[in-house]
Amino acid sequence: MFPVGLYYCFRELSDANIFVILYSVTSIYFAGVMVRLMLVLAPIMCIMSGIGISTTLSTYMKNIESGDVIPATVKNKKKAADYPIKSEIATVMVTIVAIF
């Protein structure tokens, strides 16, 4: 999940995300140069994986339909027609992330 977290950090650049990106890139470099420096890589791997999982779950949880009835407007019908099984796909993705 490290690459997913890195992707989401690049997608929304802020000062905090730039710091995390720099920390991850330098940690990967130094862990590759010396095996003992894997201890430097472990914390940023956990942070980036957490960012990746959190953002992925947030994205797909929005698509899972709740029991609430949404008023049918032209805009809502158009969105529903574009992607007919989004609720099912979102449920599958959330289940996959929860299992692994």
C-alpha atoms as a PDB file:
ATOM      1  CA  MET A   1       0.000   0.000   0.000  1.00  0.00           C
ATOM      2  CA  PHE A   2       3.049   2.264   0.098  1.00  0.00           C
ATOM      3  CA  PRO A   3       2.765   3.274  -3.595  1.00  0.00           C
ATOM      4  CA  VAL A   4      -0.936   4.053  -3.140  1.00  0.00           C
ATOM      5  CA  GLY A   5      -0.155   6.373  -0.234  1.00  0.00           C
ATOM      6  CA  LEU A   6       2.610   8.001  -2.232  1.00  0.00           C
ATOM      7  CA  TYR A   7       0.201   8.548  -5.132  1.00  0.00           C
ATOM      8  CA  TYR A   8      -2.378  10.198  -2.880  1.00  0.00           C
ATOM      9  CA  CYS A   9       0.304  12.445  -1.362  1.00  0.00           C
ATOM     10  CA  PHE A  10       1.373  13.568  -4.837  1.00  0.00           C
ATOM     11  CA  ARG A  11      -2.259  14.104  -5.795  1.00  0.00           C
ATOM     12  CA  GLU A  12      -2.902  16.691  -3.057  1.00  0.00           C
ATOM     13  CA  LEU A  13       0.321  18.594  -2.492  1.00  0.00           C
ATOM     14  CA  SER A  14       0.603  20.487   0.759  1.00  0.00           C
ATOM     15  CA  ASP A  15       3.499  21.238   3.076  1.00  0.00           C
ATOM     16  CA  ALA A  16       2.799  18.131   5.152  1.00  0.00           C
ATOM     17  CA  ASN A  17       2.493  15.900   2.093  1.00  0.00           C
ATOM     18  CA  ILE A  18       5.730  17.241   0.595  1.00  0.00           C
ATOM     19  CA  PHE A  19       7.511  16.457   3.870  1.00  0.00           C
ATOM     20  CA  VAL A  20       6.128  12.920   3.864  1.00  0.00           C
ATOM     21  CA  ILE A  21       7.127  12.450   0.213  1.00  0.00           C
ATOM     22  CA  LEU A  22      10.686  13.626   0.873  1.00  0.00           C
ATOM     23  CA  TYR A  23      10.936  11.466   3.987  1.00  0.00           C
ATOM     24  CA  SER A  24       9.729   8.402   2.089  1.00  0.00           C
ATOM     25  CA  VAL A  25      12.029   8.906  -0.892  1.00  0.00           C
ATOM     26  CA  THR A  26      15.124   9.438   1.262  1.00  0.00           C
ATOM     27  CA  SER A  27      14.196   6.468   3.462  1.00  0.00           C
ATOM     28  CA  ILE A  28      13.844   4.200   0.451  1.00  0.00           C
ATOM     29  CA  TYR A  29      17.199   5.388  -0.889  1.00  0.00           C
ATOM     30  CA  PHE A  30      19.082   4.881   2.359  1.00  0.00           C
ATOM     31  CA  ALA A  31      17.395   1.522   3.034  1.00  0.00           C
ATOM     32  CA  GLY A  32      18.544   0.415  -0.405  1.00  0.00           C
ATOM     33  CA  VAL A  33      22.110   1.545   0.242  1.00  0.00           C
ATOM     34  CA  MET A  34      22.470  -0.161   3.604  1.00  0.00           C
ATOM     35  CA  VAL A  35      20.361  -3.066   4.841  1.00  0.00           C
ATOM     36  CA  ARG A  36      20.541  -1.966   8.480  1.00  0.00           C
ATOM     37  CA  LEU A  37      18.726   1.227   7.598  1.00  0.00           C
ATOM     38  CA  MET A  38      15.503  -0.744   7.090  1.00  0.00           C
ATOM     39  CA  LEU A  39      14.654   0.566  10.551  1.00  0.00           C
ATOM     40  CA  VAL A  40      14.479   4.043   9.012  1.00  0.00           C
ATOM     41  CA  LEU A  41      12.136   2.753   6.294  1.00  0.00           C
ATOM     42  CA  ALA A  42       9.630   0.938   8.533  1.00  0.00           C
ATOM     43  CA  PRO A  43       7.892   3.994  10.083  1.00  0.00           C
ATOM     44  CA  ILE A  44       7.342   5.796   6.790  1.00  0.00           C
ATOM     45  CA  MET A  45       6.085   2.582   5.180  1.00  0.00           C
ATOM     46  CA  CYS A  46       3.450   2.343   7.911  1.00  0.00           C
ATOM     47  CA  ILE A  47       2.519   6.023   7.539  1.00  0.00           C
ATOM     48  CA  MET A  48       2.216   5.854   3.753  1.00  0.00           C
ATOM     49  CA  SER A  49       0.242   2.612   3.916  1.00  0.00           C
ATOM     50  CA  GLY A  50      -2.117   4.206   6.407  1.00  0.00           C
ATOM     51  CA  ILE A  51      -2.609   7.195   4.109  1.00  0.00           C
ATOM     52  CA  GLY A  52      -3.298   4.861   1.193  1.00  0.00           C
ATOM     53  CA  ILE A  53      -5.798   2.700   3.078  1.00  0.00           C
ATOM     54  CA  SER A  54      -7.549   5.679   4.654  1.00  0.00           C
ATOM     55  CA  THR A  55      -7.957   7.554   1.390  1.00  0.00           C
ATOM     56  CA  THR A  56      -9.075   4.450  -0.504  1.00  0.00           C
ATOM     57  CA  LEU A  57     -11.680   3.613   2.113  1.00  0.00           C
ATOM     58  CA  SER A  58     -12.890   7.220   2.229  1.00  0.00           C
ATOM     59  CA  THR A  59     -13.300   7.266  -1.535  1.00  0.00           C
ATOM     60  CA  TYR A  60     -15.283   4.041  -1.721  1.00  0.00           C
ATOM     61  CA  MET A  61     -17.326   4.540   1.454  1.00  0.00           C
ATOM     62  CA  LYS A  62     -18.933   7.585  -0.176  1.00  0.00           C
ATOM     63  CA  ASN A  63     -20.291   5.327  -2.929  1.00  0.00           C
ATOM     64  CA  ILE A  64     -21.928   2.785  -0.654  1.00  0.00           C
ATOM     65  CA  GLU A  65     -25.601   3.594  -0.536  1.00  0.00           C
ATOM     66  CA  SER A  66     -27.239   4.004   2.813  1.00  0.00           C
ATOM     67  CA  GLY A  67     -30.924   3.339   3.461  1.00  0.00           C
ATOM     68  CA  ASP A  68     -31.763   7.035   3.001  1.00  0.00           C
ATOM     69  CA  VAL A  69     -33.918   7.978   0.064  1.00  0.00           C
ATOM     70  CA  ILE A  70     -32.415  10.720  -2.083  1.00  0.00           C
ATOM     71  CA  PRO A  71     -34.856  12.903  -4.018  1.00  0.00           C
ATOM     72  CA  ALA A  72     -34.788  12.019  -7.696  1.00  0.00           C
ATOM     73  CA  THR A  73     -33.564  14.974  -9.675  1.00  0.00           C
ATOM     74  CA  VAL A  74     -32.183  15.173 -13.164  1.00  0.00           C
ATOM     75  CA  LYS A  75     -28.653  15.512 -11.784  1.00  0.00           C
ATOM     76  CA  ASN A  76     -28.950  12.417  -9.555  1.00  0.00           C
ATOM     77  CA  LYS A  77     -30.467  10.349 -12.381  1.00  0.00           C
ATOM     78  CA  LYS A  78     -27.616  11.342 -14.691  1.00  0.00           C
ATOM     79  CA  LYS A  79     -24.998  10.299 -12.124  1.00  0.00           C
ATOM     80  CA  ALA A  80     -26.787   7.002 -11.501  1.00  0.00           C
ATOM     81  CA  ALA A  81     -26.963   6.268 -15.231  1.00  0.00           C
ATOM     82  CA  ASP A  82     -23.231   6.888 -15.699  1.00  0.00           C
ATOM     83  CA  TYR A  83     -22.144   4.235 -13.232  1.00  0.00           C
ATOM     84  CA  PRO A  84     -24.950   1.747 -12.552  1.00  0.00           C
ATOM     85  CA  ILE A  85     -23.253  -0.665 -10.107  1.00  0.00           C
ATOM     86  CA  LYS A  86     -21.092   1.745  -8.114  1.00  0.00           C
ATOM     87  CA  SER A  87     -22.522   0.597  -4.794  1.00  0.00           C
ATOM     88  CA  GLU A  88     -21.614  -3.036  -5.462  1.00  0.00           C
ATOM     89  CA  ILE A  89     -18.100  -2.186  -6.628  1.00  0.00           C
ATOM     90  CA  ALA A  90     -17.588   0.069  -3.605  1.00  0.00           C
ATOM     91  CA  THR A  91     -18.737  -2.736  -1.286  1.00  0.00           C
ATOM     92  CA  VAL A  92     -16.319  -5.190  -2.920  1.00  0.00           C
ATOM     93  CA  MET A  93     -13.406  -2.738  -2.644  1.00  0.00           C
ATOM     94  CA  VAL A  94     -14.114  -1.994   1.030  1.00  0.00           C
ATOM     95  CA  THR A  95     -14.317  -5.742   1.720  1.00  0.00           C
ATOM     96  CA  ILE A  96     -11.017  -6.396  -0.079  1.00  0.00           C
ATOM     97  CA  VAL A  97      -9.248  -3.674   1.889  1.00  0.00           C
ATOM     98  CA  ALA A  98     -10.769  -4.934   5.145  1.00  0.00           C
ATOM     99  CA  ILE A  99      -9.653  -8.521   4.505  1.00  0.00           C
ATOM    100  CA  PHE A 100      -6.108  -7.723   3.463  1.00  0.00           C
END
